[in-house]
Amino acid sequence: MQYRPFGRTGLKVSCLVLGTDNLANPTPQAESLAILDAAAAGGINLIDTSNSYAGGEAERLIGNWLGTRKRRDDVLIATKVFYPTGAGVNDRGLTRHHILRACEDSLRRLNTDYIDLYQTHRPDPDTPLEETLHALDTLVRDGKVRYIGTSTTPAWQVVEGLRVSERNNLVRFASEQSPYNLLERRVENELVPACQKHGVALLTWSPMAMGMLAGRYSSAVDAPTDSRATLRGGIYAERVTRRGVEVGLQFAALARAAGHDPAQLAYLWVKDQPGVTAPIIGPRTLAQLEQALPVADMLLTDELRQACDDLVTPGSVVASFFNTAAWMKWKFA
């Protein structure tokens, strides 16, 4: 396993991060625990979750694992706040009110005294950044959170947050987490250089483009029965486009011709892109995790990098994974 600097924090994190959006939904508990065991045994030291995954059950399952396996000192735990946690009008967003309450709830479910990385799951246009950062700063000063980050946030707002922190002597965003895969390359235009310039770690989600880059889709309207597009529909199904499926099949053929498993090459491509700290892999099964782990010790060749660029032009997009970002105006049919 390779370990990389986590922005300007001094931490080292594994070059693959375990994403847990599948834990408890649909992955059953026994296999979820086996995935956590295998990830830690394989050298992954950062586990990413959210209070919104499976309605909080993913956090609760991780907390159970931390307690029963006695692994709290071996891994870094990242979770998120933003999405609704109740029916109340203030049970959502990035207000001080919601952040402080949501953090206490996450700490309880995670069975821990502190969260290593607390991330804003989406920007909140109704709450000033000053209020959000003051609330996060309180959590850090109280020892309940150690580092803070953002997710699916535009480059300008990440940088604005750094300026607000600097002006007000508040805790600084250590990381951003955005979608990035061969079909969705828009982060290369502004976000990647902004993170590189300001020492912000970049975690990336959906590196396999929901399986399109594994060649699992035969068409945009005929999703595999066990895919997220089928199991969850909605925003997940929207990400599967005709052009994305076409490129995914071409990519899978390219991978096999080069002697690679397509899923592994999809992970490898993101892992070895400039400015990327680590892609987040989100296995649904233990077998999928075991397939991904060897990527940590692989290197992307210049020849394969160029072949991928020939499929999708750097900085461009053929399947939008920013469809849950209200600030992103691009739409795909």
Foldseek 3Di string as FASTA:
>chain_A
DDWDDQFPPRDTFFQEEAEALLDVPPFDLVQSLVLVVVCLVLPGAEYEEECPRVVNVSLLSQLVSCVVVVCPVRHAYEYEFADANDDDPPRGGQALVNVVVVLVVSCVSNNHQAHAEYEHAAHDPVDDLLRNQVSVQVCCVVVRYPAYAYELYDLVVLVVNQVSCVVVVTGHHQAYEYADFLQAQQCVPHVLVSCVVRRHAYEYEDLCLQVLLQLQDPALVDHDCPTCCNSPNDPSSQQRHRLSNVLSNVNCVVQVVVVHRRSQVSLLLQSADPRHNHYHDHDNGSVVSVNNSVSSVDHDDPVVNVVSCVSPPHNDHDGDPSPVHPVDDDHDD
